[in-house]
C-alpha atoms as a PDB file:
ATOM      1  CA  MET A   1      51.989  76.601  39.491  1.00  0.00           C
ATOM      2  CA  TRP A   2      55.647  75.568  39.978  1.00  0.00           C
ATOM      3  CA  ILE A   3      55.305  72.773  37.518  1.00  0.00           C
ATOM      4  CA  PHE A   4      54.509  75.010  34.754  1.00  0.00           C
ATOM      5  CA  TYR A   5      57.648  77.017  35.649  1.00  0.00           C
ATOM      6  CA  LEU A   6      59.645  74.051  35.520  1.00  0.00           C
ATOM      7  CA  ALA A   7      58.232  72.793  32.324  1.00  0.00           C
ATOM      8  CA  GLY A   8      58.955  76.300  30.866  1.00  0.00           C
ATOM      9  CA  ALA A   9      62.657  76.228  32.125  1.00  0.00           C
ATOM     10  CA  VAL A  10      62.984  72.514  30.737  1.00  0.00           C
ATOM     11  CA  ILE A  11      61.847  73.845  27.254  1.00  0.00           C
ATOM     12  CA  ILE A  12      64.345  76.986  27.367  1.00  0.00           C
ATOM     13  CA  PHE A  13      67.008  74.678  28.317  1.00  0.00           C
ATOM     14  CA  GLY A  14      66.311  72.236  25.607  1.00  0.00           C
ATOM     15  CA  LEU A  15      66.011  74.875  22.881  1.00  0.00           C
ATOM     16  CA  LEU A  16      69.348  76.287  24.050  1.00  0.00           C
ATOM     17  CA  PHE A  17      70.916  72.784  23.968  1.00  0.00           C
ATOM     18  CA  TYR A  18      69.436  72.094  20.536  1.00  0.00           C
ATOM     19  CA  ASN A  19      70.886  75.448  19.131  1.00  0.00           C
ATOM     20  CA  PHE A  20      74.362  74.417  20.680  1.00  0.00           C
ATOM     21  CA  GLN A  21      74.291  70.976  19.177  1.00  0.00           C
ATOM     22  CA  GLN A  22      73.181  72.623  15.655  1.00  0.00           C
ATOM     23  CA  SER A  23      75.972  75.304  15.739  1.00  0.00           C
ATOM     24  CA  LYS A  24      78.315  72.439  16.896  1.00  0.00           C
ATOM     25  CA  LYS A  25      77.566  70.597  13.823  1.00  0.00           C
ATOM     26  CA  LYS A  26      78.302  73.514  11.504  1.00  0.00           C
ATOM     27  CA  ASN A  27      81.649  74.159  13.040  1.00  0.00           C
ATOM     28  CA  ILE A  28      84.631  73.289  11.024  1.00  0.00           C
ATOM     29  CA  LYS A  29      86.296  71.311  13.758  1.00  0.00           C
ATOM     30  CA  TYR A  30      83.228  69.087  14.282  1.00  0.00           C
ATOM     31  CA  ILE A  31      82.599  68.544  10.342  1.00  0.00           C
ATOM     32  CA  TYR A  32      86.235  67.757   9.451  1.00  0.00           C
ATOM     33  CA  SER A  33      87.299  66.186  12.701  1.00  0.00           C
ATOM     34  CA  GLU A  34      88.804  63.085  10.951  1.00  0.00           C
ATOM     35  CA  LEU A  35      90.775  65.233   8.410  1.00  0.00           C
ATOM     36  CA  ILE A  36      92.063  67.473  11.130  1.00  0.00           C
ATOM     37  CA  ALA A  37      93.239  64.476  13.226  1.00  0.00           C
ATOM     38  CA  LEU A  38      94.984  63.153  10.089  1.00  0.00           C
ATOM     39  CA  CYS A  39      96.675  66.343   9.302  1.00  0.00           C
ATOM     40  CA  GLN A  40      97.985  66.394  12.786  1.00  0.00           C
ATOM     41  CA  HIS A  41     100.091  63.415  12.270  1.00  0.00           C
ATOM     42  CA  ILE A  42     101.995  65.328   9.387  1.00  0.00           C
ATOM     43  CA  ASP A  43     104.466  66.894  11.729  1.00  0.00           C
ATOM     44  CA  LYS A  44     104.792  66.543  15.592  1.00  0.00           C
ATOM     45  CA  ASN A  45     105.413  70.220  15.885  1.00  0.00           C
ATOM     46  CA  ILE A  46     102.284  71.234  14.277  1.00  0.00           C
ATOM     47  CA  ARG A  47     100.058  73.842  16.221  1.00  0.00           C
ATOM     48  CA  LEU A  48      96.904  75.586  16.034  1.00  0.00           C
ATOM     49  CA  GLU A  49      97.294  79.334  15.434  1.00  0.00           C
ATOM     50  CA  HIS A  50      93.904  80.619  14.621  1.00  0.00           C
ATOM     51  CA  GLU A  51      90.314  79.096  15.113  1.00  0.00           C
ATOM     52  CA  SER A  52      86.786  80.373  13.954  1.00  0.00           C
ATOM     53  CA  SER A  53      83.641  78.474  13.401  1.00  0.00           C
ATOM     54  CA  ASP A  54      84.318  78.296   9.783  1.00  0.00           C
ATOM     55  CA  SER A  55      88.303  78.579   9.570  1.00  0.00           C
ATOM     56  CA  LEU A  56      91.389  76.918  11.164  1.00  0.00           C
ATOM     57  CA  THR A  57      95.113  77.860  10.623  1.00  0.00           C
ATOM     58  CA  PHE A  58      97.863  75.493  11.488  1.00  0.00           C
ATOM     59  CA  GLU A  59     101.518  76.206  11.611  1.00  0.00           C
ATOM     60  CA  ILE A  60     104.562  73.954  11.552  1.00  0.00           C
ATOM     61  CA  SER A  61     107.942  75.505  11.936  1.00  0.00           C
ATOM     62  CA  ASN A  62     111.327  73.642  12.002  1.00  0.00           C
ATOM     63  CA  HIS A  63     115.028  73.873  10.799  1.00  0.00           C
ATOM     64  CA  ARG A  64     113.753  72.880   7.274  1.00  0.00           C
ATOM     65  CA  GLY A  65     111.394  75.938   6.974  1.00  0.00           C
ATOM     66  CA  SER A  66     107.907  76.740   7.934  1.00  0.00           C
ATOM     67  CA  LEU A  67     104.252  75.847   6.710  1.00  0.00           C
ATOM     68  CA  LEU A  68     100.873  77.166   7.154  1.00  0.00           C
ATOM     69  CA  LEU A  69      97.781  74.997   6.839  1.00  0.00           C
ATOM     70  CA  VAL A  70      94.519  76.852   6.471  1.00  0.00           C
ATOM     71  CA  LEU A  71      90.953  75.006   6.157  1.00  0.00           C
ATOM     72  CA  THR A  72      87.970  77.104   5.299  1.00  0.00           C
ATOM     73  CA  GLN A  73      84.542  76.041   4.822  1.00  0.00           C
ATOM     74  CA  PHE A  74      81.828  77.903   2.652  1.00  0.00           C
ATOM     75  CA  ASP A  75      78.575  76.693   1.510  1.00  0.00           C
ATOM     76  CA  GLY A  76      79.392  73.146   1.143  1.00  0.00           C
ATOM     77  CA  ILE A  77      82.877  73.539   0.001  1.00  0.00           C
ATOM     78  CA  LEU A  78      86.181  72.756   1.993  1.00  0.00           C
ATOM     79  CA  CYS A  79      89.191  74.772   0.852  1.00  0.00           C
ATOM     80  CA  VAL A  80      92.569  73.536   2.111  1.00  0.00           C
ATOM     81  CA  GLU A  81      95.479  75.902   1.469  1.00  0.00           C
ATOM     82  CA  ILE A  82      99.106  75.223   2.123  1.00  0.00           C
ATOM     83  CA  GLU A  83     101.789  77.815   2.070  1.00  0.00           C
ATOM     84  CA  ARG A  84     105.555  76.384   2.473  1.00  0.00           C
ATOM     85  CA  ILE A  85     108.659  78.404   2.908  1.00  0.00           C
ATOM     86  CA  ASN A  86     111.716  76.431   2.942  1.00  0.00           C
ATOM     87  CA  SER A  87     115.310  77.259   4.482  1.00  0.00           C
ATOM     88  CA  GLU A  88     116.244  78.956   1.300  1.00  0.00           C
ATOM     89  CA  ASN A  89     112.999  81.379   1.545  1.00  0.00           C
ATOM     90  CA  ILE A  90     111.521  79.741  -1.527  1.00  0.00           C
ATOM     91  CA  ILE A  91     107.707  79.943  -1.309  1.00  0.00           C
ATOM     92  CA  ASP A  92     105.360  77.290  -2.617  1.00  0.00           C
ATOM     93  CA  ASN A  93     101.598  77.427  -2.555  1.00  0.00           C
ATOM     94  CA  GLN A  94      99.068  74.437  -3.038  1.00  0.00           C
ATOM     95  CA  GLU A  95      95.203  74.667  -2.796  1.00  0.00           C
ATOM     96  CA  TRP A  96      92.459  72.184  -2.794  1.00  0.00           C
ATOM     97  CA  TYR A  97      88.718  72.349  -3.063  1.00  0.00           C
ATOM     98  CA  PHE A  98      86.624  69.524  -1.719  1.00  0.00           C
ATOM     99  CA  LEU A  99      82.840  68.664  -1.337  1.00  0.00           C
ATOM    100  CA  GLU A 100      81.627  68.894   2.138  1.00  0.00           C
ATOM    101  CA  ASN A 101      80.819  65.391   2.578  1.00  0.00           C
ATOM    102  CA  GLU A 102      83.572  63.822   0.388  1.00  0.00           C
ATOM    103  CA  ASN A 103      85.376  60.907   2.286  1.00  0.00           C
ATOM    104  CA  GLN A 104      87.952  62.841   4.558  1.00  0.00           C
ATOM    105  CA  LYS A 105      90.595  60.136   4.180  1.00  0.00           C
ATOM    106  CA  LYS A 106      90.458  60.442   0.495  1.00  0.00           C
ATOM    107  CA  MET A 107      90.834  64.110   0.886  1.00  0.00           C
ATOM    108  CA  PHE A 108      93.998  63.637   3.099  1.00  0.00           C
ATOM    109  CA  HIS A 109      95.442  60.909   0.638  1.00  0.00           C
ATOM    110  CA  GLN A 110      94.998  63.624  -2.219  1.00  0.00           C
ATOM    111  CA  MET A 111      96.787  66.440  -0.248  1.00  0.00           C
ATOM    112  CA  VAL A 112      99.631  64.218   0.922  1.00  0.00           C
ATOM    113  CA  SER A 113     100.075  62.809  -2.777  1.00  0.00           C
ATOM    114  CA  ASP A 114     100.442  66.284  -4.060  1.00  0.00           C
ATOM    115  CA  ILE A 115     102.737  67.453  -1.362  1.00  0.00           C
ATOM    116  CA  ILE A 116     105.173  64.625  -1.895  1.00  0.00           C
ATOM    117  CA  ALA A 117     105.176  65.466  -5.703  1.00  0.00           C
ATOM    118  CA  THR A 118     106.339  69.018  -4.775  1.00  0.00           C
ATOM    119  CA  LYS A 119     109.354  68.056  -2.799  1.00  0.00           C
ATOM    120  CA  SER A 120     109.603  71.297  -0.792  1.00  0.00           C
ATOM    121  CA  GLY A 121     111.741  69.964   1.842  1.00  0.00           C
ATOM    122  CA  VAL A 122     109.899  71.393   4.845  1.00  0.00           C
ATOM    123  CA  LEU A 123     108.103  68.332   5.821  1.00  0.00           C
ATOM    124  CA  LYS A 124     109.793  64.794   6.235  1.00  0.00           C
ATOM    125  CA  GLU A 125     109.189  62.963   3.076  1.00  0.00           C
ATOM    126  CA  ILE A 126     109.595  59.380   4.976  1.00  0.00           C
ATOM    127  CA  THR A 127     106.547  60.492   7.274  1.00  0.00           C
ATOM    128  CA  LEU A 128     104.385  61.748   4.235  1.00  0.00           C
ATOM    129  CA  LEU A 129     105.070  58.325   2.364  1.00  0.00           C
ATOM    130  CA  LYS A 130     104.048  56.438   5.233  1.00  0.00           C
ATOM    131  CA  LEU A 131     100.825  58.643   5.601  1.00  0.00           C
ATOM    132  CA  GLU A 132     100.200  58.212   1.981  1.00  0.00           C
ATOM    133  CA  GLY A 133     100.408  54.547   2.127  1.00  0.00           C
ATOM    134  CA  ILE A 134      97.956  54.214   5.248  1.00  0.00           C
ATOM    135  CA  SER A 135      95.461  56.551   3.577  1.00  0.00           C
ATOM    136  CA  SER A 136      95.844  54.858   0.219  1.00  0.00           C
ATOM    137  CA  ASP A 137      94.807  51.463   1.805  1.00  0.00           C
ATOM    138  CA  PHE A 138      91.323  52.874   2.768  1.00  0.00           C
ATOM    139  CA  VAL A 139      90.955  54.923  -0.603  1.00  0.00           C
ATOM    140  CA  ASN A 140      91.532  51.886  -2.770  1.00  0.00           C
ATOM    141  CA  ASP A 141      89.060  49.817  -0.857  1.00  0.00           C
ATOM    142  CA  PRO A 142      86.039  49.534  -3.277  1.00  0.00           C
ATOM    143  CA  LYS A 143      83.666  49.324  -0.027  1.00  0.00           C
ATOM    144  CA  ASN A 144      84.770  53.043   0.612  1.00  0.00           C
ATOM    145  CA  HIS A 145      83.579  54.492  -2.808  1.00  0.00           C
ATOM    146  CA  LEU A 146      80.063  55.428  -1.593  1.00  0.00           C
ATOM    147  CA  GLY A 147      77.892  57.934  -3.457  1.00  0.00           C
ATOM    148  CA  VAL A 148      77.333  61.219  -1.559  1.00  0.00           C
ATOM    149  CA  LYS A 149      74.609  63.896  -1.914  1.00  0.00           C
ATOM    150  CA  ASN A 150      75.965  67.275  -2.790  1.00  0.00           C
ATOM    151  CA  LYS A 151      74.397  70.340  -4.495  1.00  0.00           C
ATOM    152  CA  ARG A 152      75.057  70.176  -8.351  1.00  0.00           C
ATOM    153  CA  ALA A 153      76.539  73.777  -8.271  1.00  0.00           C
ATOM    154  CA  GLN A 154      79.274  72.511  -5.762  1.00  0.00           C
ATOM    155  CA  ILE A 155      80.072  69.523  -7.692  1.00  0.00           C
ATOM    156  CA  LEU A 156      80.633  71.515 -10.767  1.00  0.00           C
ATOM    157  CA  PHE A 157      82.839  74.139  -8.986  1.00  0.00           C
ATOM    158  CA  CYS A 158      85.001  71.238  -7.816  1.00  0.00           C
ATOM    159  CA  LYS A 159      85.366  69.802 -10.990  1.00  0.00           C
ATOM    160  CA  ALA A 160      85.985  73.027 -12.613  1.00  0.00           C
ATOM    161  CA  TYR A 161      88.744  73.634 -10.160  1.00  0.00           C
ATOM    162  CA  ASP A 162      90.291  69.943 -10.794  1.00  0.00           C
ATOM    163  CA  GLY A 163      90.410  70.940 -14.292  1.00  0.00           C
ATOM    164  CA  VAL A 164      92.448  74.017 -13.647  1.00  0.00           C
ATOM    165  CA  LYS A 165      95.138  72.044 -11.511  1.00  0.00           C
ATOM    166  CA  LYS A 166      95.516  69.630 -14.451  1.00  0.00           C
ATOM    167  CA  PHE A 167      96.020  72.223 -16.884  1.00  0.00           C
ATOM    168  CA  PRO A 168      99.662  72.037 -18.200  1.00  0.00           C
ATOM    169  CA  ARG A 169     101.862  74.869 -16.665  1.00  0.00           C
ATOM    170  CA  TYR A 170      98.907  76.305 -14.704  1.00  0.00           C
ATOM    171  CA  LYS A 171     101.423  77.223 -12.132  1.00  0.00           C
ATOM    172  CA  TYR A 172     102.920  79.606 -14.392  1.00  0.00           C
ATOM    173  CA  ALA A 173      99.576  81.571 -14.214  1.00  0.00           C
ATOM    174  CA  ASN A 174      99.241  83.959 -11.354  1.00  0.00           C
ATOM    175  CA  CYS A 175      96.469  83.852  -8.943  1.00  0.00           C
ATOM    176  CA  GLU A 176      94.255  86.271 -11.221  1.00  0.00           C
ATOM    177  CA  GLY A 177      95.027  83.982 -14.277  1.00  0.00           C
ATOM    178  CA  ARG A 178      94.031  80.778 -12.359  1.00  0.00           C
ATOM    179  CA  PHE A 179      90.656  82.431 -11.610  1.00  0.00           C
ATOM    180  CA  GLU A 180      90.203  83.069 -15.244  1.00  0.00           C
ATOM    181  CA  MET A 181      90.638  79.380 -16.087  1.00  0.00           C
ATOM    182  CA  LEU A 182      88.492  78.420 -13.223  1.00  0.00           C
ATOM    183  CA  LEU A 183      85.738  80.856 -14.422  1.00  0.00           C
ATOM    184  CA  PHE A 184      86.361  79.500 -18.023  1.00  0.00           C
ATOM    185  CA  ASN A 185      85.671  75.750 -16.758  1.00  0.00           C
ATOM    186  CA  CYS A 186      82.577  76.776 -14.752  1.00  0.00           C
ATOM    187  CA  VAL A 187      81.007  78.541 -17.790  1.00  0.00           C
ATOM    188  CA  LEU A 188      81.749  75.378 -19.604  1.00  0.00           C
ATOM    189  CA  LEU A 189      79.960  73.065 -17.286  1.00  0.00           C
ATOM    190  CA  ILE A 190      77.128  75.688 -16.839  1.00  0.00           C
ATOM    191  CA  SER A 191      76.664  75.788 -20.400  1.00  0.00           C
ATOM    192  CA  LYS A 192      76.242  71.968 -20.793  1.00  0.00           C
ATOM    193  CA  THR A 193      73.548  71.974 -17.897  1.00  0.00           C
ATOM    194  CA  PRO A 194      69.846  71.458 -19.254  1.00  0.00           C
ATOM    195  CA  VAL A 195      67.488  73.895 -18.524  1.00  0.00           C
ATOM    196  CA  GLY A 196      65.460  71.256 -16.355  1.00  0.00           C
ATOM    197  CA  PHE A 197      68.332  71.312 -13.915  1.00  0.00           C
ATOM    198  CA  LYS A 198      67.498  74.686 -12.723  1.00  0.00           C
ATOM    199  CA  GLN A 199      70.375  76.366 -14.600  1.00  0.00           C
ATOM    200  CA  GLN A 200      69.818  79.935 -13.485  1.00  0.00           C
ATOM    201  CA  GLU A 201      69.848  78.708  -9.716  1.00  0.00           C
ATOM    202  CA  GLN A 202      73.145  76.661 -10.309  1.00  0.00           C
ATOM    203  CA  THR A 203      74.649  79.706 -12.032  1.00  0.00           C
ATOM    204  CA  THR A 204      73.794  82.029  -8.894  1.00  0.00           C
ATOM    205  CA  GLU A 205      75.632  79.418  -6.710  1.00  0.00           C
ATOM    206  CA  ILE A 206      78.625  79.016  -8.548  1.00  0.00           C
ATOM    207  CA  ILE A 207      79.028  82.844  -8.876  1.00  0.00           C
ATOM    208  CA  SER A 208      78.829  82.787  -4.902  1.00  0.00           C
ATOM    209  CA  LEU A 209      81.790  80.239  -4.867  1.00  0.00           C
ATOM    210  CA  LEU A 210      83.547  82.247  -7.470  1.00  0.00           C
ATOM    211  CA  LEU A 211      83.325  85.300  -5.295  1.00  0.00           C
ATOM    212  CA  PHE A 212      84.688  83.473  -2.365  1.00  0.00           C
ATOM    213  CA  TYR A 213      87.442  82.404  -4.478  1.00  0.00           C
ATOM    214  CA  LEU A 214      88.206  86.039  -5.233  1.00  0.00           C
ATOM    215  CA  GLU A 215      87.924  87.174  -1.695  1.00  0.00           C
ATOM    216  CA  LYS A 216      89.904  84.529  -0.316  1.00  0.00           C
ATOM    217  CA  HIS A 217      92.788  85.328  -2.615  1.00  0.00           C
ATOM    218  CA  GLN A 218      92.217  89.299  -1.967  1.00  0.00           C
ATOM    219  CA  ILE A 219      92.018  90.083  -5.716  1.00  0.00           C
ATOM    220  CA  ILE A 220      88.374  90.963  -5.873  1.00  0.00           C
ATOM    221  CA  ASN A 221      89.187  94.783  -5.604  1.00  0.00           C
ATOM    222  CA  HIS A 222      91.079  94.141  -9.136  1.00  0.00           C
ATOM    223  CA  ILE A 223      87.870  94.062 -10.695  1.00  0.00           C
ATOM    224  CA  LYS A 224      86.124  97.504 -11.111  1.00  0.00           C
ATOM    225  CA  ASP A 225      82.559  96.416 -11.942  1.00  0.00           C
ATOM    226  CA  ILE A 226      82.060  92.819 -10.773  1.00  0.00           C
ATOM    227  CA  ASP A 227      78.615  92.631 -12.431  1.00  0.00           C
ATOM    228  CA  LEU A 228      79.859  93.830 -15.614  1.00  0.00           C
ATOM    229  CA  PHE A 229      82.849  91.540 -15.432  1.00  0.00           C
ATOM    230  CA  PHE A 230      80.971  88.293 -15.041  1.00  0.00           C
ATOM    231  CA  GLU A 231      78.221  89.474 -17.735  1.00  0.00           C
ATOM    232  CA  SER A 232      80.870  90.030 -20.186  1.00  0.00           C
ATOM    233  CA  ARG A 233      83.149  86.929 -19.458  1.00  0.00           C
ATOM    234  CA  PHE A 234      79.966  84.458 -19.448  1.00  0.00           C
ATOM    235  CA  THR A 235      78.854  86.056 -22.792  1.00  0.00           C
ATOM    236  CA  ALA A 236      82.634  85.719 -24.266  1.00  0.00           C
ATOM    237  CA  TYR A 237      83.066  82.074 -23.038  1.00  0.00           C
ATOM    238  CA  GLN A 238      79.783  80.865 -23.959  1.00  0.00           C
ATOM    239  CA  GLN A 239      80.166  82.138 -27.421  1.00  0.00           C
ATOM    240  CA  GLN A 240      83.378  80.244 -27.646  1.00  0.00           C
ATOM    241  CA  PHE A 241      81.802  76.942 -26.612  1.00  0.00           C
ATOM    242  CA  ALA A 242      78.932  77.421 -28.981  1.00  0.00           C
ATOM    243  CA  GLU A 243      81.151  77.934 -32.083  1.00  0.00           C
ATOM    244  CA  ASN A 244      83.022  75.250 -33.824  1.00  0.00           C
ATOM    245  CA  ARG A 245      85.956  73.865 -32.002  1.00  0.00           C
ATOM    246  CA  ASP A 246      88.514  74.766 -35.056  1.00  0.00           C
ATOM    247  CA  ARG A 247      88.726  78.340 -33.804  1.00  0.00           C
ATOM    248  CA  THR A 248      90.919  80.874 -35.463  1.00  0.00           C
ATOM    249  CA  ASP A 249      94.308  81.662 -33.974  1.00  0.00           C
ATOM    250  CA  GLN A 250      92.972  84.981 -33.022  1.00  0.00           C
ATOM    251  CA  GLU A 251      90.374  83.523 -30.604  1.00  0.00           C
ATOM    252  CA  TRP A 252      93.139  81.261 -29.028  1.00  0.00           C
ATOM    253  CA  ARG A 253      95.407  84.291 -28.486  1.00  0.00           C
ATOM    254  CA  GLN A 254      92.571  85.875 -26.809  1.00  0.00           C
ATOM    255  CA  LEU A 255      92.207  83.205 -24.437  1.00  0.00           C
ATOM    256  CA  PHE A 256      95.924  82.764 -23.795  1.00  0.00           C
ATOM    257  CA  CYS A 257      96.156  86.835 -22.969  1.00  0.00           C
ATOM    258  CA  LEU A 258      93.237  86.174 -20.330  1.00  0.00           C
ATOM    259  CA  PHE A 259      94.972  83.120 -18.657  1.00  0.00           C
ATOM    260  CA  PHE A 260      98.448  84.445 -18.628  1.00  0.00           C
ATOM    261  CA  ILE A 261      99.101  88.017 -19.683  1.00  0.00           C
ATOM    262  CA  LYS A 262      96.248  90.327 -18.722  1.00  0.00           C
ATOM    263  CA  PRO A 263      93.783  88.454 -16.460  1.00  0.00           C
ATOM    264  CA  LEU A 264      90.880  90.231 -14.860  1.00  0.00           C
ATOM    265  CA  SER A 265      91.114  92.888 -17.651  1.00  0.00           C
ATOM    266  CA  SER A 266      87.970  94.718 -18.202  1.00  0.00           C
ATOM    267  CA  LYS A 267      88.703  95.110 -21.957  1.00  0.00           C
ATOM    268  CA  GLU A 268      87.120  92.399 -24.369  1.00  0.00           C
ATOM    269  CA  LYS A 269      89.930  92.789 -26.714  1.00  0.00           C
ATOM    270  CA  VAL A 270      93.615  92.798 -25.685  1.00  0.00           C
ATOM    271  CA  LYS A 271      96.699  93.639 -27.803  1.00  0.00           C
ATOM    272  CA  TYR A 272      99.128  90.921 -28.370  1.00  0.00           C
ATOM    273  CA  LYS A 273     101.543  89.668 -30.791  1.00  0.00           C
ATOM    274  CA  GLU A 274     101.446  85.955 -30.842  1.00  0.00           C
ATOM    275  CA  ILE A 275     100.785  82.899 -28.691  1.00  0.00           C
ATOM    276  CA  GLU A 276     103.845  82.294 -26.463  1.00  0.00           C
ATOM    277  CA  ASP A 277     103.005  78.519 -25.744  1.00  0.00           C
ATOM    278  CA  VAL A 278     102.487  76.795 -28.963  1.00  0.00           C
ATOM    279  CA  HIS A 279     100.885  73.765 -26.908  1.00  0.00           C
ATOM    280  CA  PHE A 280      98.166  76.160 -25.513  1.00  0.00           C
ATOM    281  CA  LYS A 281      95.511  75.261 -28.012  1.00  0.00           C
ATOM    282  CA  ASN A 282      95.914  71.544 -27.481  1.00  0.00           C
ATOM    283  CA  ALA A 283      96.111  71.870 -23.703  1.00  0.00           C
ATOM    284  CA  VAL A 284      92.786  73.887 -23.444  1.00  0.00           C
ATOM    285  CA  THR A 285      91.172  71.229 -25.954  1.00  0.00           C
ATOM    286  CA  LYS A 286      92.382  68.506 -23.804  1.00  0.00           C
ATOM    287  CA  MET A 287      91.029  70.326 -20.677  1.00  0.00           C
ATOM    288  CA  ILE A 288      87.527  70.834 -22.192  1.00  0.00           C
ATOM    289  CA  LYS A 289      87.255  67.124 -23.223  1.00  0.00           C
ATOM    290  CA  ASN A 290      88.211  65.948 -19.671  1.00  0.00           C
ATOM    291  CA  LEU A 291      85.655  68.273 -18.155  1.00  0.00           C
ATOM    292  CA  GLU A 292      83.006  67.114 -20.670  1.00  0.00           C
ATOM    293  CA  SER A 293      83.859  63.515 -19.649  1.00  0.00           C
ATOM    294  CA  ASP A 294      83.527  64.456 -15.998  1.00  0.00           C
ATOM    295  CA  TYR A 295      80.260  66.215 -16.627  1.00  0.00           C
ATOM    296  CA  ASN A 296      78.787  62.961 -18.467  1.00  0.00           C
ATOM    297  CA  LEU A 297      79.753  61.062 -15.052  1.00  0.00           C
ATOM    298  CA  ILE A 298      77.883  63.490 -12.949  1.00  0.00           C
ATOM    299  CA  LEU A 299      74.551  63.056 -14.809  1.00  0.00           C
END
C-alpha cells in the first residue's frame, strides 16, 4: 500500500515542480536575463528598486542626476522605459518596444545607441560608448541575424511604434499625441493585411497592445468611451488610406490636430486655423512609405 502513497507523492511533487518551472520561464527575470545582465553594466551604482513577475524597476543615482529603468512584459512584447533627471532637473524620457524573442544583445545595442544620442549627462558617455562597441560586434555579425517566430500582431505593433520614433519632431508631441501616431500606424498596417491572415484576430490583439500602452502611460481615463473612440479612429484612418494620396489641406490639418493639438479628442472635427508645420504632409507621407516597405518585408 505504501508504494501507492509514494507514487502519489512523487506525482504531486512532480506537478508542483513542473508548475514552478513553467512559472519561472514566464518570469521577466528568466526571459530577459541576458538583457538585464547587460543593463547592470551601464553604471556600477545601479540597484533593483521594484520586482514582480512581469516588471522590473532599476534606479541609478549619482552627482550627475538620477535614472529609472523600467522593463515590463505583456503578451509577447517587452517595453523598456528610461526616465532621466540630470543635475539641472531636466527630465528626459525614452521608450522602446521589442518582440519577446528578439535578440537581447540587439535590444541592448539599440537602447545604448539611443541613450548616447540624447547626451543627458546622467550616465558616463565613455562607459556607454564601450558598451555600444561591444554589443555592435555581436549585432553586426551576420550569423546572429536569425529569424524568430512571433505573432503577426506583435510584429506589426513594434513596426508601428518604430514608425512613431522615426517621425520628425515626434518628441514635440505629448504622450497622447504619440499614441495617436501609434494608432494611425497600426491602422495603416492592419489595413494592408489580407483577409486570409486572420485580420479580425490581429486587430483584436493589436487593440489589446494599444490598451496596454494607454494604461502604462496612465492616459486611458482621458478617453470617455473607449469602444467608440477606437471605432471612430479606425473608420477615419482607414478612409484616409483608402483615398488618393493627394489629400486636401483640410484632411492634413485634421491629422495634424490629432497628433499635436487635440489628441484623444472625441470630436471627429476639430477647429483649427492652419498647419503649423509646413513639412508635416511630407513627413507623414514618408512615414507611410517606410511602414509599407517594412510591411512588405514581413510578408
